[in-house]
C-alpha atoms as a PDB file:
ATOM      1  CA  MET A   1       6.986 -13.522  -2.957  1.00  0.00           C
ATOM      2  CA  SER A   2       8.569 -10.984  -5.235  1.00  0.00           C
ATOM      3  CA  GLY A   3       7.175  -7.481  -5.676  1.00  0.00           C
ATOM      4  CA  ALA A   4       5.288  -8.611  -8.792  1.00  0.00           C
ATOM      5  CA  SER A   5       3.780 -11.705  -7.171  1.00  0.00           C
ATOM      6  CA  PHE A   6       2.909  -9.629  -4.079  1.00  0.00           C
ATOM      7  CA  GLU A   7       0.903  -7.304  -6.311  1.00  0.00           C
ATOM      8  CA  GLU A   8      -0.718 -10.287  -8.046  1.00  0.00           C
ATOM      9  CA  MET A   9      -1.768 -11.698  -4.655  1.00  0.00           C
ATOM     10  CA  LEU A  10      -3.300  -8.322  -3.797  1.00  0.00           C
ATOM     11  CA  LYS A  11      -5.176  -8.240  -7.120  1.00  0.00           C
ATOM     12  CA  LYS A  12      -6.506 -11.754  -6.496  1.00  0.00           C
ATOM     13  CA  SER A  13      -7.555 -10.732  -2.977  1.00  0.00           C
ATOM     14  CA  CYS A  14      -9.407  -7.705  -4.357  1.00  0.00           C
ATOM     15  CA  GLU A  15     -11.108  -9.866  -6.998  1.00  0.00           C
ATOM     16  CA  TYR A  16     -12.255 -12.253  -4.287  1.00  0.00           C
ATOM     17  CA  TYR A  17     -13.535  -9.403  -2.086  1.00  0.00           C
ATOM     18  CA  GLN A  18     -15.547  -8.167  -5.063  1.00  0.00           C
ATOM     19  CA  TYR A  19     -16.858 -11.671  -5.783  1.00  0.00           C
ATOM     20  CA  ILE A  20     -18.170 -12.143  -2.225  1.00  0.00           C
ATOM     21  CA  GLY A  21     -19.451  -8.568  -2.013  1.00  0.00           C
ATOM     22  CA  VAL A  22     -17.138  -7.403   0.789  1.00  0.00           C
ATOM     23  CA  ALA A  23     -15.291  -4.630  -1.075  1.00  0.00           C
ATOM     24  CA  LEU A  24     -14.726  -3.126  -4.497  1.00  0.00           C
ATOM     25  CA  ILE A  25     -11.011  -2.318  -4.769  1.00  0.00           C
ATOM     26  CA  HIS A  26      -8.981  -2.144  -7.969  1.00  0.00           C
ATOM     27  CA  LYS A  27      -5.362  -1.790  -9.022  1.00  0.00           C
ATOM     28  CA  ILE A  28      -4.783   1.644 -10.544  1.00  0.00           C
ATOM     29  CA  PRO A  29      -2.740   1.258 -13.754  1.00  0.00           C
ATOM     30  CA  THR A  30       0.259   3.514 -14.278  1.00  0.00           C
ATOM     31  CA  PRO A  31       0.290   5.103 -17.753  1.00  0.00           C
ATOM     32  CA  TRP A  32       3.529   4.368 -19.618  1.00  0.00           C
ATOM     33  CA  SER A  33       5.221   6.061 -22.541  1.00  0.00           C
ATOM     34  CA  VAL A  34       6.989   3.606 -24.846  1.00  0.00           C
ATOM     35  CA  SER A  35       9.450   4.454 -27.653  1.00  0.00           C
ATOM     36  CA  TYR A  36      10.060   1.924 -30.414  1.00  0.00           C
ATOM     37  CA  ASP A  37      12.792   1.476 -32.997  1.00  0.00           C
ATOM     38  CA  LYS A  38      10.895   1.763 -36.305  1.00  0.00           C
ATOM     39  CA  GLN A  39      12.990  -0.794 -38.143  1.00  0.00           C
ATOM     40  CA  SER A  40      13.262  -3.561 -35.578  1.00  0.00           C
ATOM     41  CA  ARG A  41      10.034  -2.678 -33.741  1.00  0.00           C
ATOM     42  CA  ARG A  42      11.868  -3.182 -30.467  1.00  0.00           C
ATOM     43  CA  VAL A  43      11.292  -1.088 -27.417  1.00  0.00           C
ATOM     44  CA  ILE A  44      14.014   1.539 -27.042  1.00  0.00           C
ATOM     45  CA  ARG A  45      12.806   2.946 -23.771  1.00  0.00           C
ATOM     46  CA  ALA A  46       9.776   2.932 -21.524  1.00  0.00           C
ATOM     47  CA  HIS A  47       8.978   5.149 -18.573  1.00  0.00           C
ATOM     48  CA  PRO A  48       5.927   6.226 -16.590  1.00  0.00           C
ATOM     49  CA  GLU A  49       4.192   9.180 -18.269  1.00  0.00           C
ATOM     50  CA  GLU A  50       3.178  10.833 -15.017  1.00  0.00           C
ATOM     51  CA  LYS A  51       3.127  10.263 -11.309  1.00  0.00           C
ATOM     52  CA  SER A  52       0.284   7.978 -10.418  1.00  0.00           C
ATOM     53  CA  SER A  53      -1.881   8.381  -7.329  1.00  0.00           C
ATOM     54  CA  VAL A  54      -1.458   5.090  -5.422  1.00  0.00           C
ATOM     55  CA  ASP A  55      -1.508   1.403  -6.306  1.00  0.00           C
ATOM     56  CA  PHE A  56      -5.042   0.487  -5.189  1.00  0.00           C
ATOM     57  CA  GLU A  57      -8.300   2.368  -4.621  1.00  0.00           C
ATOM     58  CA  GLY A  58     -11.859   1.392  -3.912  1.00  0.00           C
ATOM     59  CA  VAL A  59     -14.671   1.122  -1.404  1.00  0.00           C
ATOM     60  CA  TRP A  60     -15.126  -1.060   1.680  1.00  0.00           C
ATOM     61  CA  HIS A  61     -18.318  -0.804   3.767  1.00  0.00           C
ATOM     62  CA  GLY A  62     -19.125   2.586   2.253  1.00  0.00           C
ATOM     63  CA  ARG A  63     -15.672   3.984   3.035  1.00  0.00           C
ATOM     64  CA  SER A  64     -13.151   4.994   0.433  1.00  0.00           C
ATOM     65  CA  VAL A  65      -9.932   2.965   0.644  1.00  0.00           C
ATOM     66  CA  ALA A  66      -6.580   3.918  -0.899  1.00  0.00           C
ATOM     67  CA  PHE A  67      -3.295   2.147  -0.343  1.00  0.00           C
ATOM     68  CA  GLU A  68       0.179   1.730  -1.688  1.00  0.00           C
ATOM     69  CA  ALA A  69       1.763  -1.743  -1.897  1.00  0.00           C
ATOM     70  CA  LYS A  70       5.480  -1.905  -1.144  1.00  0.00           C
ATOM     71  CA  SER A  71       7.870  -4.831  -1.051  1.00  0.00           C
ATOM     72  CA  THR A  72      11.338  -4.964   0.471  1.00  0.00           C
ATOM     73  CA  ARG A  73      14.053  -7.604   0.506  1.00  0.00           C
ATOM     74  CA  GLU A  74      15.419  -6.153   3.748  1.00  0.00           C
ATOM     75  CA  ARG A  75      14.947  -8.247   6.878  1.00  0.00           C
ATOM     76  CA  LYS A  76      15.346  -5.614   9.575  1.00  0.00           C
ATOM     77  CA  ARG A  77      13.862  -2.437   8.112  1.00  0.00           C
ATOM     78  CA  PHE A  78      11.650  -0.795   5.527  1.00  0.00           C
ATOM     79  CA  ASP A  79      13.567   1.980   3.748  1.00  0.00           C
ATOM     80  CA  LEU A  80      11.541   5.173   3.382  1.00  0.00           C
ATOM     81  CA  LYS A  81      13.257   5.842   0.027  1.00  0.00           C
ATOM     82  CA  ASN A  82      10.782   3.262  -1.351  1.00  0.00           C
ATOM     83  CA  ILE A  83       8.025   5.850  -0.896  1.00  0.00           C
ATOM     84  CA  GLN A  84       7.609   8.933  -3.068  1.00  0.00           C
ATOM     85  CA  GLN A  85       6.384  12.263  -1.760  1.00  0.00           C
ATOM     86  CA  HIS A  86       3.410  12.343  -4.156  1.00  0.00           C
ATOM     87  CA  GLN A  87       2.192   9.019  -2.703  1.00  0.00           C
ATOM     88  CA  LEU A  88       2.217  10.422   0.828  1.00  0.00           C
ATOM     89  CA  ASP A  89       0.533  13.602  -0.369  1.00  0.00           C
ATOM     90  CA  TYR A  90      -2.234  11.643  -2.068  1.00  0.00           C
ATOM     91  CA  LEU A  91      -2.831   9.394   0.954  1.00  0.00           C
ATOM     92  CA  MET A  92      -2.941  12.451   3.233  1.00  0.00           C
ATOM     93  CA  MET A  93      -5.543  14.194   1.035  1.00  0.00           C
ATOM     94  CA  HIS A  94      -7.521  10.946   0.825  1.00  0.00           C
ATOM     95  CA  GLN A  95      -7.514  10.568   4.610  1.00  0.00           C
ATOM     96  CA  ASP A  96      -8.423  14.244   5.080  1.00  0.00           C
ATOM     97  CA  GLN A  97     -11.549  13.534   2.997  1.00  0.00           C
ATOM     98  CA  GLY A  98     -12.534  10.690   5.326  1.00  0.00           C
ATOM     99  CA  GLY A  99     -10.931   7.813   3.456  1.00  0.00           C
ATOM    100  CA  LEU A 100      -8.877   4.970   4.899  1.00  0.00           C
ATOM    101  CA  SER A 101      -5.249   5.446   3.818  1.00  0.00           C
ATOM    102  CA  PHE A 102      -2.525   2.892   4.418  1.00  0.00           C
ATOM    103  CA  PHE A 103       0.442   0.934   3.099  1.00  0.00           C
ATOM    104  CA  LEU A 104       0.718  -2.812   2.718  1.00  0.00           C
ATOM    105  CA  ILE A 105       4.393  -3.601   3.239  1.00  0.00           C
ATOM    106  CA  GLU A 106       5.786  -6.988   2.301  1.00  0.00           C
ATOM    107  CA  PHE A 107       8.996  -8.254   3.889  1.00  0.00           C
ATOM    108  CA  ALA A 108       9.746 -10.651   1.029  1.00  0.00           C
ATOM    109  CA  LYS A 109      12.599 -12.624   2.618  1.00  0.00           C
ATOM    110  CA  ILE A 110      10.605 -13.169   5.803  1.00  0.00           C
ATOM    111  CA  GLY A 111       7.321 -13.846   4.015  1.00  0.00           C
ATOM    112  CA  GLU A 112       5.272 -11.368   6.048  1.00  0.00           C
ATOM    113  CA  VAL A 113       2.955  -8.524   5.056  1.00  0.00           C
ATOM    114  CA  TYR A 114       1.880  -5.705   7.387  1.00  0.00           C
ATOM    115  CA  LEU A 115      -0.813  -3.055   7.180  1.00  0.00           C
ATOM    116  CA  VAL A 116       0.800   0.243   8.175  1.00  0.00           C
ATOM    117  CA  TRP A 117      -1.502   3.253   8.465  1.00  0.00           C
ATOM    118  CA  TYR A 118      -0.660   6.421   6.535  1.00  0.00           C
ATOM    119  CA  ASP A 119      -0.246   8.495   9.718  1.00  0.00           C
ATOM    120  CA  GLN A 120       2.304   5.998  11.084  1.00  0.00           C
ATOM    121  CA  VAL A 121       4.418   6.271   7.933  1.00  0.00           C
ATOM    122  CA  GLN A 122       4.016  10.053   7.859  1.00  0.00           C
ATOM    123  CA  GLU A 123       5.408  10.268  11.394  1.00  0.00           C
ATOM    124  CA  TRP A 124       8.532   8.325  10.364  1.00  0.00           C
ATOM    125  CA  TRP A 125       8.805  10.428   7.173  1.00  0.00           C
ATOM    126  CA  ASP A 126       8.653  13.702   9.133  1.00  0.00           C
ATOM    127  CA  ASN A 127      11.270  12.373  11.545  1.00  0.00           C
ATOM    128  CA  MET A 128      13.534  11.448   8.586  1.00  0.00           C
ATOM    129  CA  GLU A 129      13.186  14.941   7.107  1.00  0.00           C
ATOM    130  CA  ASN A 130      14.304  16.349  10.473  1.00  0.00           C
ATOM    131  CA  GLY A 131      17.508  14.278  10.446  1.00  0.00           C
ATOM    132  CA  GLY A 132      16.147  11.042  11.938  1.00  0.00           C
ATOM    133  CA  ARG A 133      16.178   7.457  10.674  1.00  0.00           C
ATOM    134  CA  LYS A 134      15.723   6.814   6.972  1.00  0.00           C
ATOM    135  CA  SER A 135      13.864   3.580   7.607  1.00  0.00           C
ATOM    136  CA  ILE A 136      11.200   2.018   9.785  1.00  0.00           C
ATOM    137  CA  PRO A 137      12.599  -0.837  11.884  1.00  0.00           C
ATOM    138  CA  TYR A 138      11.008  -4.238  11.291  1.00  0.00           C
ATOM    139  CA  SER A 139      10.797  -4.665  15.081  1.00  0.00           C
ATOM    140  CA  TRP A 140       8.704  -1.461  15.348  1.00  0.00           C
ATOM    141  CA  ILE A 141       6.381  -2.636  12.569  1.00  0.00           C
ATOM    142  CA  GLN A 142       5.942  -6.019  14.309  1.00  0.00           C
ATOM    143  CA  ILE A 143       4.825  -4.282  17.509  1.00  0.00           C
ATOM    144  CA  HIS A 144       2.765  -1.364  16.158  1.00  0.00           C
ATOM    145  CA  CYS A 145       1.238  -2.686  12.944  1.00  0.00           C
ATOM    146  CA  CYS A 146      -1.080  -5.549  12.010  1.00  0.00           C
ATOM    147  CA  ILE A 147       0.186  -8.577  10.148  1.00  0.00           C
ATOM    148  CA  VAL A 148      -1.863  -9.568   7.086  1.00  0.00           C
ATOM    149  CA  VAL A 149      -2.391 -13.297   6.692  1.00  0.00           C
ATOM    150  CA  PRO A 150      -4.356 -15.539   4.338  1.00  0.00           C
ATOM    151  CA  GLY A 151      -8.010 -15.883   5.216  1.00  0.00           C
ATOM    152  CA  ARG A 152     -11.002 -15.373   2.965  1.00  0.00           C
ATOM    153  CA  ALA A 153      -8.504 -13.999   0.441  1.00  0.00           C
ATOM    154  CA  PRO A 154      -4.839 -14.819  -0.274  1.00  0.00           C
ATOM    155  CA  LEU A 155      -3.844 -11.634   1.604  1.00  0.00           C
ATOM    156  CA  ASP A 156      -6.818 -10.844   3.818  1.00  0.00           C
ATOM    157  CA  PHE A 157      -6.116  -7.155   4.525  1.00  0.00           C
ATOM    158  CA  VAL A 158      -9.854  -6.459   4.896  1.00  0.00           C
ATOM    159  CA  ARG A 159      -9.774  -8.646   8.015  1.00  0.00           C
ATOM    160  CA  VAL A 160      -7.295  -6.134   9.479  1.00  0.00           C
ATOM    161  CA  LEU A 161      -9.633  -3.252   8.561  1.00  0.00           C
ATOM    162  CA  GLU A 162     -12.464  -5.099  10.309  1.00  0.00           C
ATOM    163  CA  ARG A 163     -10.349  -5.681  13.442  1.00  0.00           C
ATOM    164  CA  GLU A 164      -9.168  -2.062  13.520  1.00  0.00           C
ATOM    165  CA  LYS A 165     -12.700  -0.697  13.308  1.00  0.00           C
ATOM    166  CA  VAL A 166     -13.878   0.193  16.831  1.00  0.00           C
ATOM    167  CA  ASN A 167     -17.546   0.948  17.628  1.00  0.00           C
ATOM    168  CA  GLY A 168     -18.229   1.983  14.039  1.00  0.00           C
ATOM    169  CA  ILE A 169     -15.318   4.447  14.050  1.00  0.00           C
ATOM    170  CA  SER A 170     -12.358   3.817  11.789  1.00  0.00           C
ATOM    171  CA  ARG A 171      -8.820   4.063  13.094  1.00  0.00           C
ATOM    172  CA  THR A 172      -8.226   7.304  11.182  1.00  0.00           C
ATOM    173  CA  GLU A 173     -11.187   8.917  12.943  1.00  0.00           C
ATOM    174  CA  ALA A 174     -10.024   7.579  16.319  1.00  0.00           C
ATOM    175  CA  VAL A 175      -6.546   9.120  15.806  1.00  0.00           C
ATOM    176  CA  GLU A 176      -7.867  12.648  15.319  1.00  0.00           C
END
């Protein structure tokens, strides 16, 4: 999968979740500013107008869900430079309000997708800012994060949320 097809698979998964009544999660569009050449009507330049929140938001079992979808062509690591500070800030505020905040990270060359909780990424980010690694090792993700596989949906990330829920308490509540 490429980054674009990864996002398309996530959209299809969200559509299916909505169809079967499991969740209501949508892709958040990024507003773009486009400049055209008046004579040729060709695009001269296009860029995002403002920083968006995150890629997807919605509700699952009465809980707010927000996540960022990231794809990497690396085989042995996920580079933290793929994440922007405003995305972490948004996911932190979302989690602080009781929402479920996470990343879905695709290792495109390996063909695997993992659900990585916001607080796990934040720990690596803080370590990086203190002079540590600038990436999360694939081997660490394999051990500490949940793989997302096809199931009811092409990428059944809700199945991971269901597995991670313990005695009616979400993982984010259990961490605190």
